């Protein structure tokens, strides 16, 4: 294999900010064999979830060092590798959720000018094909944009120029070079993307491309307030695009910006390398609450990165600051460092991958709730430095994370694995309820049903009246010819190998059933001056009110209860004060 792996921690173009934590974390501990590593795999996995390596890259035709991953509408994952492939210039592959890989394309770089070292994920276009970028190669060795079919037929669409002035080493061609992040589609149907370097000011560009490959540069970054070295991928929201830069801004530690489809840029925030963070690399996502969220790869309280919220109105809020690295074990901490990716799961929580840190310095997968409760889900294992390249059981330095259609999370580790070329892994969580069942009110003898929607469930069990299991084991529980005995409370328990989740409690009420007073002697008793009676046939309709009268004309409420099911015992302590006492039940509003 040729030794020309790309160092993904390198800053290109703008001057690398001081005090920025290096991305090149490959620290190791001696004395761990791969067999022991396999045994320890579960030790760093959070209870209630499972971590599994589905595939280990070999660096051959399957590629090596996967950095881009995309979920297609057919349920397959399409990915790119920076290295490996038949020609060792990178590859494109298709992966199933069970870990079956299909190599689709190996980059040649010359003489076809298709590019080399694709770092970005692929974008699925409306024509059914994928679009992507290669960091280098092409006609001018400055990177390319390509189109690839789902079966691996690749065509080059555009090669970036390469012009360097005699007075400086910085590239200053107008269209940019080193495209490193996925393309996005605008509301006009064209594709948009960024280059990390070059442009008329040497600090990266924002460009527009038609599906046929016609490229127009809309903006060149200047390393001033607008930032330098744009990261990504871009976020399209409300007709504008939002993104981050790793450098530039008022403090030279990166920015958040908004840019229109015509290239009008507005600088929204400049990072300070304080508690807010520095050098954001993950791009932005838009949460379910409408706010933007992202991760800074450095800075924060401990210099190891942050997770932040940024509102459309421009308010910046720190959500989490990663912990300090251990002085006794460099690059080690409990929660990870240098976050690379952030997404929001269908359960409303945020999930992400930290490229470094963790219990062994090789990265971690984490969860952050909207209430800012942080949980390390998995710490990758230590690398064995006696091998070349370094190897371990589960991979190292995670670069991607996506949620599959089954509710599980899938991702790639850039390094490590049994071949040292990275892994494709999955993290399974307990089932997640996406739609809770709803309470029902029906007439007796009619039909009713409860429905729950969830992801990741292998078992479904409906329960009635405080945990009594029913025969219903489907997402929809149907009742026909409803009777008073069916009125009550229901819930459903969903399970898989990683745990269980219980739905909210809902009720089935009958709208046309009168309350009854049990007439059996044991349920109607006068003792010690108080009268005890039992209400039955309660079907959850309105407040239950008991009224008493001495003359059958004037009625006084003596008992009120919330809507209830089954039966309620009522005691009238004033019964002994009357020569005779009558009772009736009323269903209130």
Protein backbone atom coordinates (compact mmCIF):
# COMPACT_ATOMS: atom_id res chain seq x y z
CA UNK A 1 0.00 0.00 0.00
CA UNK A 2 1.23 3.50 -0.82
CA UNK A 3 1.93 5.63 2.23
CA UNK A 4 0.16 8.91 1.50
CA UNK A 5 -2.61 9.00 4.07
CA UNK A 6 -4.21 12.38 4.59
CA UNK A 7 -3.74 13.91 8.06
CA UNK A 8 -7.29 15.01 8.82
CA UNK A 9 -6.09 17.19 11.67
CA UNK A 10 -4.21 19.57 9.40
CA UNK A 11 -5.33 23.20 9.15
CA UNK A 12 -4.99 24.51 5.61
CA UNK A 13 -4.97 28.10 4.43
CA UNK A 14 -5.39 30.41 7.40
CA UNK A 15 -2.90 30.42 10.21
CA UNK A 16 -3.66 27.73 12.74
CA UNK A 17 -5.00 29.43 15.91
CA UNK A 18 -2.90 29.08 19.02
CA UNK A 19 -4.03 26.85 21.89
CA UNK A 20 -6.14 24.76 19.52
CA UNK A 21 -6.21 21.13 20.54
CA UNK A 22 -4.66 18.97 17.86
CA UNK A 23 -7.00 16.58 16.03
CA UNK A 24 -4.30 14.00 15.52
CA UNK A 25 -4.95 11.96 18.66
CA UNK A 26 -3.44 8.53 18.23
CA UNK A 27 -2.12 7.87 21.72
CA UNK A 28 -1.75 4.25 22.80
CA UNK A 29 -1.08 2.18 25.88
CA UNK A 30 1.38 -0.69 25.81
CA UNK A 31 0.59 -4.15 27.06
CA UNK A 32 -2.88 -4.75 25.61
CA UNK A 33 -3.31 -7.67 23.27
CA UNK A 34 -6.20 -7.77 20.80
CA UNK A 35 -7.70 -10.69 22.69
CA UNK A 36 -7.86 -8.66 25.88
CA UNK A 37 -9.24 -5.71 23.95
CA UNK A 38 -12.09 -7.86 22.70
CA UNK A 39 -12.93 -8.90 26.24
CA UNK A 40 -12.91 -5.28 27.37
CA UNK A 41 -15.21 -4.12 24.58
CA UNK A 42 -18.31 -4.16 26.76
CA UNK A 43 -16.62 -2.41 29.66
CA UNK A 44 -16.80 0.99 28.03
CA UNK A 45 -20.36 0.64 26.74
CA UNK A 46 -23.24 2.32 28.54
CA UNK A 47 -25.85 0.01 30.05
CA UNK A 48 -29.02 -0.04 27.97
CA UNK A 49 -27.20 0.06 24.65
CA UNK A 50 -24.99 -2.16 22.55
CA UNK A 51 -21.94 -1.43 20.42
CA UNK A 52 -21.02 -3.72 17.55
CA UNK A 53 -18.40 -3.57 14.83
CA UNK A 54 -20.14 -4.59 11.62
CA UNK A 55 -17.19 -4.25 9.27
CA UNK A 56 -13.44 -3.65 9.43
CA UNK A 57 -11.91 -1.86 6.45
CA UNK A 58 -8.85 -3.51 4.91
CA UNK A 59 -7.44 -0.68 2.80
CA UNK A 60 -7.84 -2.81 -0.33
CA UNK A 61 -10.69 -2.41 -2.86
CA UNK A 62 -13.08 -1.67 0.02
CA UNK A 63 -11.04 1.40 0.95
CA UNK A 64 -9.59 2.60 4.20
CA UNK A 65 -10.12 5.52 6.62
CA UNK A 66 -13.79 6.24 5.99
CA UNK A 67 -14.69 9.87 6.69
CA UNK A 68 -17.99 10.41 4.85
CA UNK A 69 -21.26 8.52 5.30
CA UNK A 70 -24.74 9.03 3.82
CA UNK A 71 -28.02 7.17 4.41
CA UNK A 72 -29.89 6.53 1.19
CA UNK A 73 -33.63 6.24 0.78
CA UNK A 74 -33.20 2.51 0.07
CA UNK A 75 -31.85 1.95 3.60
CA UNK A 76 -28.25 1.42 2.50
CA UNK A 77 -25.32 3.51 3.64
CA UNK A 78 -23.06 5.03 1.00
CA UNK A 79 -19.63 6.09 2.14
CA UNK A 80 -16.28 7.41 1.01
CA UNK A 81 -12.81 6.47 2.18
CA UNK A 82 -9.90 8.89 2.09
CA UNK A 83 -7.41 6.14 1.35
CA UNK A 84 -7.38 2.58 0.06
CA UNK A 85 -9.27 1.32 -2.95
CA UNK A 86 -7.70 -0.55 -5.83
CA UNK A 87 -5.39 2.35 -6.59
CA UNK A 88 -4.99 3.64 -3.03
CA UNK A 89 -6.50 7.03 -3.88
CA UNK A 90 -9.74 6.43 -1.98
CA UNK A 91 -12.96 4.58 -2.67
CA UNK A 92 -16.77 4.69 -2.63
CA UNK A 93 -18.72 1.84 -1.07
CA UNK A 94 -22.24 0.72 -0.20
CA UNK A 95 -22.90 -0.84 3.21
CA UNK A 96 -25.96 -2.66 4.54
CA UNK A 97 -27.18 -2.27 8.11
CA UNK A 98 -25.82 -5.77 8.77
CA UNK A 99 -22.30 -4.89 7.61
CA UNK A 100 -22.27 -6.33 4.09
CA UNK A 101 -20.06 -4.09 1.97
CA UNK A 102 -20.14 -3.59 -1.78
CA UNK A 103 -17.15 -1.68 -3.20
CA UNK A 104 -18.51 0.65 -5.89
CA UNK A 105 -15.61 2.72 -7.18
CA UNK A 106 -11.87 3.17 -6.69
CA UNK A 107 -10.42 6.54 -7.57
CA UNK A 108 -7.70 6.52 -10.22
CA UNK A 109 -6.59 10.17 -10.09
CA UNK A 110 -4.62 9.88 -13.29
CA UNK A 111 -5.13 9.85 -16.21
CA UNK A 112 -8.91 10.07 -15.77
CA UNK A 113 -8.76 13.15 -13.51
CA UNK A 114 -11.54 11.77 -11.30
CA UNK A 115 -9.87 13.09 -8.15
CA UNK A 116 -8.38 11.55 -5.04
CA UNK A 117 -8.90 11.28 -1.28
CA UNK A 118 -12.67 11.90 -1.04
CA UNK A 119 -13.27 13.15 2.49
CA UNK A 120 -16.86 14.39 2.31
CA UNK A 121 -20.05 12.42 2.47
CA UNK A 122 -22.17 12.00 -0.65
CA UNK A 123 -25.32 13.96 -1.44
CA UNK A 124 -28.27 12.11 -3.02
CA UNK A 125 -29.61 14.27 -5.82
CA UNK A 126 -33.13 14.46 -7.15
CA UNK A 127 -31.97 12.56 -10.25
CA UNK A 128 -31.26 9.49 -8.10
CA UNK A 129 -27.48 9.80 -8.34
CA UNK A 130 -24.97 10.85 -5.68
CA UNK A 131 -22.76 13.91 -5.83
CA UNK A 132 -19.48 14.24 -3.99
CA UNK A 133 -16.12 15.93 -3.81
CA UNK A 134 -12.51 14.76 -3.80
CA UNK A 135 -10.01 16.82 -1.81
CA UNK A 136 -7.19 16.63 -4.35
CA UNK A 137 -6.57 15.35 -7.84
CA UNK A 138 -8.44 16.34 -10.94
CA UNK A 139 -7.05 18.27 -13.87
CA UNK A 140 -5.22 20.74 -11.62
CA UNK A 141 -4.69 18.55 -8.55
CA UNK A 142 -6.90 20.92 -6.52
CA UNK A 143 -9.91 18.66 -6.06
CA UNK A 144 -12.98 17.66 -8.03
CA UNK A 145 -16.75 17.40 -7.97
CA UNK A 146 -18.15 14.12 -9.27
CA UNK A 147 -21.42 12.28 -9.82
CA UNK A 148 -21.79 8.58 -9.08
CA UNK A 149 -24.71 6.25 -9.72
CA UNK A 150 -26.02 3.90 -6.98
CA UNK A 151 -24.13 1.10 -8.74
CA UNK A 152 -20.80 2.92 -8.91
CA UNK A 153 -20.69 4.56 -12.33
CA UNK A 154 -18.67 7.75 -11.78
CA UNK A 155 -18.39 10.82 -13.97
CA UNK A 156 -16.24 13.88 -13.25
CA UNK A 157 -18.18 17.14 -13.32
CA UNK A 158 -15.65 19.79 -12.34
CA UNK A 159 -11.95 20.21 -11.55
CA UNK A 160 -10.91 23.12 -9.36
CA UNK A 161 -8.15 25.39 -10.64
CA UNK A 162 -4.73 25.83 -9.02
CA UNK A 163 -2.95 29.17 -9.17
CA UNK A 164 -0.30 30.22 -6.68
CA UNK A 165 1.33 33.62 -6.80
CA UNK A 166 5.11 33.97 -6.87
CA UNK A 167 5.04 36.05 -3.68
CA UNK A 168 3.08 33.66 -1.49
CA UNK A 169 2.51 29.98 -1.05
CA UNK A 170 -1.21 30.52 -0.45
CA UNK A 171 -3.39 29.42 -3.37
CA UNK A 172 -5.34 32.32 -4.88
CA UNK A 173 -7.30 30.81 -7.76
CA UNK A 174 -10.81 32.19 -7.99
CA UNK A 175 -12.86 29.01 -7.54
CA UNK A 176 -11.05 27.51 -4.54
CA UNK A 177 -9.44 24.20 -3.82
CA UNK A 178 -9.64 21.31 -1.35
CA UNK A 179 -13.40 20.71 -1.23
CA UNK A 180 -13.87 18.68 1.94
CA UNK A 181 -17.54 18.75 2.88
CA UNK A 182 -20.78 17.46 1.42
CA UNK A 183 -22.84 19.41 -1.07
CA UNK A 184 -26.36 20.58 -0.23
CA UNK A 185 -29.30 21.45 -2.44
CA UNK A 186 -30.85 24.90 -2.52
CA UNK A 187 -34.49 25.79 -2.99
CA UNK A 188 -33.75 26.55 -6.66
CA UNK A 189 -32.61 22.99 -7.30
CA UNK A 190 -28.91 23.78 -7.68
CA UNK A 191 -26.16 22.38 -5.46
CA UNK A 192 -24.01 24.44 -3.10
CA UNK A 193 -20.74 23.74 -1.35
CA UNK A 194 -17.49 25.13 0.03
CA UNK A 195 -13.77 24.78 -0.47
CA UNK A 196 -11.42 25.04 2.49
CA UNK A 197 -8.73 26.96 0.64
CA UNK A 198 -7.97 29.31 -2.22
CA UNK A 199 -10.45 31.67 -3.77
CA UNK A 200 -9.48 35.23 -4.55
CA UNK A 201 -8.48 35.79 -0.91
CA UNK A 202 -6.88 32.36 -0.27
CA UNK A 203 -9.23 31.38 2.59
CA UNK A 204 -11.90 29.29 0.91
CA UNK A 205 -15.01 29.79 -1.19
CA UNK A 206 -18.76 29.26 -1.33
CA UNK A 207 -19.94 28.05 -4.73
CA UNK A 208 -23.05 27.05 -6.67
CA UNK A 209 -23.18 24.17 -9.14
CA UNK A 210 -25.85 23.00 -11.55
CA UNK A 211 -26.55 19.29 -11.94
CA UNK A 212 -24.59 19.43 -15.20
CA UNK A 213 -21.45 20.64 -13.46
CA UNK A 214 -21.44 24.38 -14.16
CA UNK A 215 -19.78 26.07 -11.15
CA UNK A 216 -20.17 29.70 -10.07
CA UNK A 217 -18.18 31.10 -7.14
CA UNK A 218 -20.51 33.22 -5.03
CA UNK A 219 -18.20 34.25 -2.20
CA UNK A 220 -14.53 34.20 -1.22
CA UNK A 221 -13.68 34.27 2.48
CA UNK A 222 -11.23 36.94 3.64
CA UNK A 223 -10.06 35.76 7.09
CA UNK A 224 -11.69 38.86 8.62
CA UNK A 225 -15.09 38.95 10.36
CA UNK A 226 -16.50 36.55 7.78
CA UNK A 227 -14.03 33.85 8.81
CA UNK A 228 -11.64 31.56 6.99
CA UNK A 229 -11.54 27.89 6.01
CA UNK A 230 -15.29 27.07 5.97
CA UNK A 231 -16.31 23.77 7.48
CA UNK A 232 -19.47 21.86 6.88
CA UNK A 233 -21.62 20.52 5.58
CA UNK A 234 -23.72 23.62 5.07
CA UNK A 235 -27.22 23.82 6.56
CA UNK A 236 -30.04 25.06 4.32
CA UNK A 237 -32.88 26.74 6.21
CA UNK A 238 -35.48 29.25 5.09
CA UNK A 239 -33.81 29.86 1.74
CA UNK A 240 -30.45 30.75 3.30
CA UNK A 241 -27.41 28.65 4.15
CA UNK A 242 -25.72 28.49 7.55
CA UNK A 243 -22.21 27.32 8.23
CA UNK A 244 -19.07 27.61 10.32
CA UNK A 245 -15.45 28.47 9.66
CA UNK A 246 -12.52 26.96 11.55
CA UNK A 247 -10.56 30.20 11.62
CA UNK A 248 -11.00 33.92 11.11
CA UNK A 249 -13.58 36.08 12.81
CA UNK A 250 -12.91 38.88 15.26
CA UNK A 251 -10.74 36.63 17.44
CA UNK A 252 -9.36 34.32 14.72
CA UNK A 253 -11.00 31.25 16.28
CA UNK A 254 -13.77 30.68 13.78
CA UNK A 255 -17.25 31.97 13.01
CA UNK A 256 -20.90 31.17 12.44
CA UNK A 257 -22.24 32.75 9.26
CA UNK A 258 -25.35 33.02 7.11
CA UNK A 259 -25.12 33.27 3.34
CA UNK A 260 -27.81 33.63 0.71
CA UNK A 261 -28.06 31.65 -2.52
CA UNK A 262 -26.69 34.73 -4.28
CA UNK A 263 -23.63 35.02 -2.04
CA UNK A 264 -24.65 37.71 0.46
CA UNK A 265 -22.82 36.77 3.68
CA UNK A 266 -23.68 37.88 7.21
CA UNK A 267 -21.30 37.08 10.04
CA UNK A 268 -23.42 35.94 13.01
CA UNK A 269 -20.87 35.00 15.68
CA UNK A 270 -17.12 34.95 16.29
CA UNK A 271 -15.68 32.31 18.61
CA UNK A 272 -13.27 33.51 21.29
CA UNK A 273 -11.54 30.29 22.39
CA UNK A 274 -13.13 30.94 25.79
CA UNK A 275 -16.02 28.99 27.25
CA UNK A 276 -17.79 29.24 23.87
CA UNK A 277 -15.19 27.09 22.12
CA UNK A 278 -12.99 27.46 19.06
CA UNK A 279 -12.52 26.02 15.56
CA UNK A 280 -15.99 24.54 14.94
CA UNK A 281 -15.76 21.66 12.48
CA UNK A 282 -19.12 19.90 12.62
CA UNK A 283 -21.17 22.45 10.73
CA UNK A 284 -24.63 23.21 12.10
CA UNK A 285 -27.85 21.27 12.53
CA UNK A 286 -31.32 22.67 13.17
CA UNK A 287 -33.02 21.19 16.19
CA UNK A 288 -36.69 20.32 16.56
CA UNK A 289 -37.07 23.58 18.52
CA UNK A 290 -35.96 25.62 15.50
CA UNK A 291 -32.61 26.61 17.00
CA UNK A 292 -29.21 25.80 15.53
CA UNK A 293 -26.77 23.47 17.27
CA UNK A 294 -23.14 22.67 16.63
CA UNK A 295 -19.84 21.53 18.12
CA UNK A 296 -16.56 23.38 18.46
CA UNK A 297 -13.51 21.14 18.22
CA UNK A 298 -11.46 23.12 20.76
CA UNK A 299 -11.82 25.76 23.45
CA UNK A 300 -14.44 25.60 26.17
CA UNK A 301 -13.75 25.35 29.87
CA UNK A 302 -11.00 22.78 29.32
CA UNK A 303 -9.77 23.38 25.79
CA UNK A 304 -11.29 20.12 24.56
CA UNK A 305 -14.34 21.44 22.72
CA UNK A 306 -17.96 22.40 23.29
CA UNK A 307 -21.52 21.83 22.18
CA UNK A 308 -23.49 25.02 21.65
CA UNK A 309 -26.90 26.41 20.72
CA UNK A 310 -27.38 29.43 18.48
CA UNK A 311 -30.84 30.91 18.01
CA UNK A 312 -32.04 32.47 14.74
CA UNK A 313 -32.14 35.76 16.68
CA UNK A 314 -28.39 35.47 17.33
CA UNK A 315 -28.20 34.31 20.95
CA UNK A 316 -25.29 31.97 21.73
CA UNK A 317 -25.68 29.44 24.58
CA UNK A 318 -23.10 26.93 25.79
CA UNK A 319 -24.72 23.50 26.15
CA UNK A 320 -21.73 21.41 27.20
CA UNK A 321 -17.99 21.77 27.68
CA UNK A 322 -15.93 18.60 27.34
CA UNK A 323 -13.79 17.67 30.33
CA UNK A 324 -10.08 18.19 30.77
CA UNK A 325 -7.58 15.66 29.52
CA UNK A 326 -5.76 13.63 32.16
CA UNK A 327 -2.24 14.92 32.87
CA UNK A 328 -1.12 11.41 33.78
CA UNK A 329 -2.54 9.81 30.64
CA UNK A 330 -2.34 12.37 27.82
CA UNK A 331 -5.40 12.64 25.58
CA UNK A 332 -7.56 10.63 28.00
CA UNK A 333 -10.77 11.92 29.62
CA UNK A 334 -14.18 10.46 30.47
CA UNK A 335 -16.35 12.08 27.78
CA UNK A 336 -14.22 12.69 24.72
CA UNK A 337 -12.54 15.62 23.04
CA UNK A 338 -12.56 17.30 19.63
CA UNK A 339 -16.19 16.61 18.67
CA UNK A 340 -16.55 15.99 14.93
CA UNK A 341 -20.25 15.39 14.36
CA UNK A 342 -23.57 16.25 16.03
CA UNK A 343 -27.12 15.16 15.18
CA UNK A 344 -30.52 15.02 16.86
CA UNK A 345 -32.09 11.59 17.24
CA UNK A 346 -35.76 10.80 16.79
CA UNK A 347 -36.07 10.68 20.59
CA UNK A 348 -35.22 14.39 20.79
CA UNK A 349 -31.77 13.84 22.29
CA UNK A 350 -28.54 14.93 20.64
CA UNK A 351 -25.89 12.39 19.67
CA UNK A 352 -22.37 12.89 18.46
CA UNK A 353 -18.86 11.59 17.98
CA UNK A 354 -15.75 12.94 19.67
CA UNK A 355 -12.69 12.22 17.54
CA UNK A 356 -10.32 12.03 20.51
CA UNK A 357 -10.40 11.68 24.27
CA UNK A 358 -12.55 9.11 25.96
CA UNK A 359 -11.38 6.43 28.35
CA UNK A 360 -8.53 5.43 26.02
CA UNK A 361 -7.81 8.60 24.08
CA UNK A 362 -9.26 7.19 20.87
CA UNK A 363 -12.64 8.92 20.83
CA UNK A 364 -16.15 8.42 22.15
CA UNK A 365 -19.82 8.40 21.18
CA UNK A 366 -22.03 10.57 23.39
CA UNK A 367 -25.60 11.63 24.10
CA UNK A 368 -26.78 15.05 25.30
CA UNK A 369 -30.39 15.56 26.36
CA UNK A 370 -32.22 18.86 25.74
CA UNK A 371 -31.88 19.34 29.50
CA UNK A 372 -28.08 19.22 29.03
CA UNK A 373 -27.53 15.84 30.70
CA UNK A 374 -24.43 14.32 29.08
CA UNK A 375 -23.80 10.56 28.81
CA UNK A 376 -20.82 8.81 27.26
CA UNK A 377 -22.32 5.91 25.34
CA UNK A 378 -19.10 4.28 24.18
CA UNK A 379 -15.38 4.89 24.54
CA UNK A 380 -13.25 3.34 21.83
CA UNK A 381 -10.52 0.97 22.92
CA UNK A 382 -6.82 1.65 23.19
CA UNK A 383 -4.68 1.17 20.13
CA UNK A 384 -1.90 -1.42 19.98
CA UNK A 385 1.27 0.43 19.02
CA UNK A 386 3.16 -2.78 18.29
CA UNK A 387 1.34 -2.98 14.95
CA UNK A 388 1.68 -0.76 11.89
CA UNK A 389 -0.80 0.76 11.38
CA UNK A 390 -2.11 0.77 14.93
CA UNK A 391 -4.91 -1.72 15.52
CA UNK A 392 -7.63 -2.47 18.06
CA UNK A 393 -10.94 -4.30 18.17
CA UNK A 394 -13.55 -1.60 17.62
CA UNK A 395 -11.85 1.24 15.79
CA UNK A 396 -10.52 4.64 16.78
CA UNK A 397 -11.25 8.29 16.05
CA UNK A 398 -14.94 8.24 15.00
CA UNK A 399 -15.73 10.55 12.08
CA UNK A 400 -19.39 9.94 11.19
CA UNK A 401 -22.65 9.09 12.95
CA UNK A 402 -26.13 8.62 11.46
CA UNK A 403 -29.43 7.22 12.67
CA UNK A 404 -30.75 4.39 10.51
CA UNK A 405 -34.33 3.64 9.58
CA UNK A 406 -34.36 1.01 12.34
CA UNK A 407 -33.63 3.63 15.00
CA UNK A 408 -30.09 2.40 15.65
CA UNK A 409 -27.04 4.60 15.10
CA UNK A 410 -24.36 3.80 12.55
CA UNK A 411 -20.97 5.36 12.01
CA UNK A 412 -17.39 4.98 10.95
CA UNK A 413 -14.12 5.16 12.85
CA UNK A 414 -11.30 6.64 10.79
CA UNK A 415 -8.50 4.57 12.33
CA UNK A 416 -8.09 1.38 14.34
CA UNK A 417 -9.94 -1.84 13.79
CA UNK A 418 -8.28 -5.18 13.19
CA UNK A 419 -6.53 -3.84 10.06
CA UNK A 420 -5.82 -0.34 11.34
CA UNK A 421 -7.88 1.18 8.52
CA UNK A 422 -11.04 1.98 10.46
CA UNK A 423 -14.40 0.33 11.11
CA UNK A 424 -18.11 0.57 10.38
CA UNK A 425 -20.03 0.21 13.63
CA UNK A 426 -23.54 0.36 15.06
CA UNK A 427 -24.88 1.48 18.42
CA UNK A 428 -28.20 0.00 19.43
CA UNK A 429 -30.33 1.78 22.01
CA UNK A 430 -33.49 0.78 23.80
CA UNK A 431 -36.64 1.33 21.69
CA UNK A 432 -37.74 4.91 21.13
CA UNK A 433 -41.43 5.83 21.06
CA UNK A 434 -42.07 8.37 18.33
CA UNK A 435 -45.87 8.61 18.73
CA UNK A 436 -47.60 7.86 22.04
CA UNK A 437 -51.01 6.14 22.14
CA UNK A 438 -54.02 8.40 22.79
CA UNK A 439 -56.94 7.99 25.18
CA UNK A 440 -60.28 6.93 23.68
CA UNK A 441 -63.93 7.57 24.54
CA UNK A 442 -66.45 5.34 22.79
CA UNK A 443 -70.01 4.08 23.23
CA UNK A 444 -70.64 0.60 24.57
CA UNK A 445 -70.76 -2.11 21.87
CA UNK A 446 -68.63 0.02 19.50
CA UNK A 447 -65.01 -0.62 18.47
CA UNK A 448 -61.83 1.07 19.66
CA UNK A 449 -58.08 0.82 19.14
CA UNK A 450 -54.82 2.12 20.58
CA UNK A 451 -51.74 2.67 18.40
CA UNK A 452 -48.11 3.35 19.26
CA UNK A 453 -45.30 4.22 16.84
CA UNK A 454 -41.71 3.40 17.73
CA UNK A 455 -38.31 2.55 16.34
CA UNK A 456 -36.00 -0.27 17.36
CA UNK A 457 -38.60 -2.48 19.09
CA UNK A 458 -38.37 -6.25 18.82
CA UNK A 459 -41.15 -7.02 21.33
CA UNK A 460 -44.50 -5.30 21.90
CA UNK A 461 -46.69 -6.05 24.93
CA UNK A 462 -49.89 -4.18 25.77
CA UNK A 463 -50.97 -4.05 29.42
CA UNK A 464 -54.29 -3.31 31.11
CA UNK A 465 -55.11 -2.24 34.66
CA UNK A 466 -51.80 -1.92 36.46
CA UNK A 467 -49.61 -4.20 34.42
CA UNK A 468 -51.85 -7.14 33.53
CA UNK A 469 -50.50 -8.37 30.19
CA UNK A 470 -52.84 -8.84 27.26
CA UNK A 471 -52.52 -11.08 24.24
CA UNK A 472 -51.98 -7.99 22.06
CA UNK A 473 -48.40 -7.85 20.73
CA UNK A 474 -48.73 -5.50 17.75
CA UNK A 475 -48.25 -1.75 17.45
CA UNK A 476 -52.05 -1.42 17.20
CA UNK A 477 -54.30 -2.96 19.86
CA UNK A 478 -57.92 -3.28 18.66
CA UNK A 479 -61.05 -3.89 20.72
CA UNK A 480 -64.42 -4.87 19.26
CA UNK A 481 -67.85 -4.72 20.94
CA UNK A 482 -66.48 -2.74 23.87
CA UNK A 483 -67.97 -3.65 27.27
CA UNK A 484 -67.72 -2.01 30.72
CA UNK A 485 -65.05 -4.55 31.61
CA UNK A 486 -62.84 -3.07 28.89
CA UNK A 487 -62.93 0.43 30.38
CA UNK A 488 -59.74 1.32 32.21
CA UNK A 489 -56.08 2.21 31.77
CA UNK A 490 -53.75 0.85 29.09
CA UNK A 491 -50.06 1.10 28.31
CA UNK A 492 -47.60 -0.72 26.07
CA UNK A 493 -44.09 -1.98 26.83
CA UNK A 494 -41.59 -2.07 23.94
CA UNK A 495 -38.41 -4.13 24.24
CA UNK A 496 -35.28 -5.07 22.35
CA UNK A 497 -31.92 -6.55 23.29
CA UNK A 498 -30.80 -3.22 24.73
CA UNK A 499 -33.69 -2.49 27.09
CA UNK A 500 -37.34 -1.56 27.40
CA UNK A 501 -39.46 1.57 27.26
CA UNK A 502 -43.02 2.01 28.53
CA UNK A 503 -45.55 4.28 26.87
CA UNK A 504 -47.67 6.85 28.62
CA UNK A 505 -50.78 5.53 30.35
CA UNK A 506 -53.99 6.08 28.38
CA UNK A 507 -57.61 5.34 29.12
CA UNK A 508 -60.61 3.79 27.43
CA UNK A 509 -63.84 5.41 28.63
CA UNK A 510 -67.47 4.55 27.81
CA UNK A 511 -69.73 7.49 27.14
CA UNK A 512 -73.16 5.88 27.72
CA UNK A 513 -72.84 3.81 30.89
CA UNK A 514 -74.63 5.01 34.08
CA UNK A 515 -72.97 4.53 37.45
CA UNK A 516 -74.59 1.87 39.65
CA UNK A 517 -74.77 1.34 43.43
CA UNK A 518 -74.14 -2.23 44.36
CA UNK A 519 -77.21 -3.62 46.14
CA UNK A 520 -75.60 -6.65 47.74
CA UNK A 521 -75.79 -6.63 51.56
CA UNK A 522 -72.03 -6.77 51.96
CA UNK A 523 -71.69 -3.56 49.97
CA UNK A 524 -74.48 -1.65 51.76
CA UNK A 525 -73.81 -1.41 55.49
CA UNK A 526 -74.82 0.91 58.34
CA UNK A 527 -72.42 0.73 61.27
CA UNK A 528 -71.54 3.16 64.03
CA UNK A 529 -73.73 5.88 62.58
CA UNK A 530 -72.07 5.88 59.14
CA UNK A 531 -73.29 4.31 55.92
CA UNK A 532 -71.02 2.50 53.45
CA UNK A 533 -71.93 1.92 49.83
CA UNK A 534 -70.07 0.69 46.73
CA UNK A 535 -70.25 2.42 43.35
CA UNK A 536 -69.77 0.14 40.33
CA UNK A 537 -69.82 0.39 36.52
CA UNK A 538 -67.39 3.33 36.57
CA UNK A 539 -66.10 3.81 33.02
CA UNK A 540 -64.00 6.92 33.25
CA UNK A 541 -66.62 9.51 32.39
CA UNK A 542 -66.50 12.84 34.23
CA UNK A 543 -66.41 13.44 37.98
CA UNK A 544 -68.20 10.88 40.10
CA UNK A 545 -70.62 12.67 42.46
CA UNK A 546 -72.74 11.07 45.19
CA UNK A 547 -75.70 13.09 46.45
CA UNK A 548 -77.81 12.43 49.56
CA UNK A 549 -81.36 13.43 50.45
CA UNK A 550 -83.75 12.97 53.39
CA UNK A 551 -86.92 13.69 51.39
CA UNK A 552 -86.12 12.78 47.77
CA UNK A 553 -86.55 16.44 46.86
CA UNK A 554 -83.51 18.26 48.20
CA UNK A 555 -80.20 16.69 47.23
CA UNK A 556 -76.79 17.58 48.68
CA UNK A 557 -73.43 16.42 47.28
CA UNK A 558 -71.53 14.45 49.91
CA UNK A 559 -68.76 12.91 47.76
CA UNK A 560 -66.88 13.94 44.61
CA UNK A 561 -64.21 11.89 42.87
CA UNK A 562 -62.22 12.36 39.66
CA UNK A 563 -63.16 10.20 36.67
CA UNK A 564 -62.49 6.62 37.65
CA UNK A 565 -62.79 3.04 36.46
CA UNK A 566 -64.24 -0.04 38.12
CA UNK A 567 -65.59 0.66 41.61
CA UNK A 568 -65.28 3.14 44.48
CA UNK A 569 -66.28 2.68 48.11
CA UNK A 570 -68.13 5.68 49.60
CA UNK A 571 -68.74 6.36 53.33
CA UNK A 572 -71.38 8.80 54.59
CA UNK A 573 -70.35 9.62 58.21
CA UNK A 574 -73.50 11.74 58.72
CA UNK A 575 -76.01 8.98 57.93
CA UNK A 576 -76.80 8.28 61.63
CA UNK A 577 -78.17 11.82 62.11
CA UNK A 578 -81.13 11.16 59.83
CA UNK A 579 -84.13 8.85 60.36
CA UNK A 580 -83.85 7.96 56.68
CA UNK A 581 -81.31 8.80 53.95
CA UNK A 582 -81.42 8.36 50.17
CA UNK A 583 -78.49 8.29 47.75
CA UNK A 584 -77.99 8.79 44.04
CA UNK A 585 -74.99 9.08 41.72
CA UNK A 586 -74.32 11.78 39.15
CA UNK A 587 -71.59 12.04 36.50
CA UNK A 588 -70.26 15.59 36.51
CA UNK A 589 -68.40 17.49 33.78
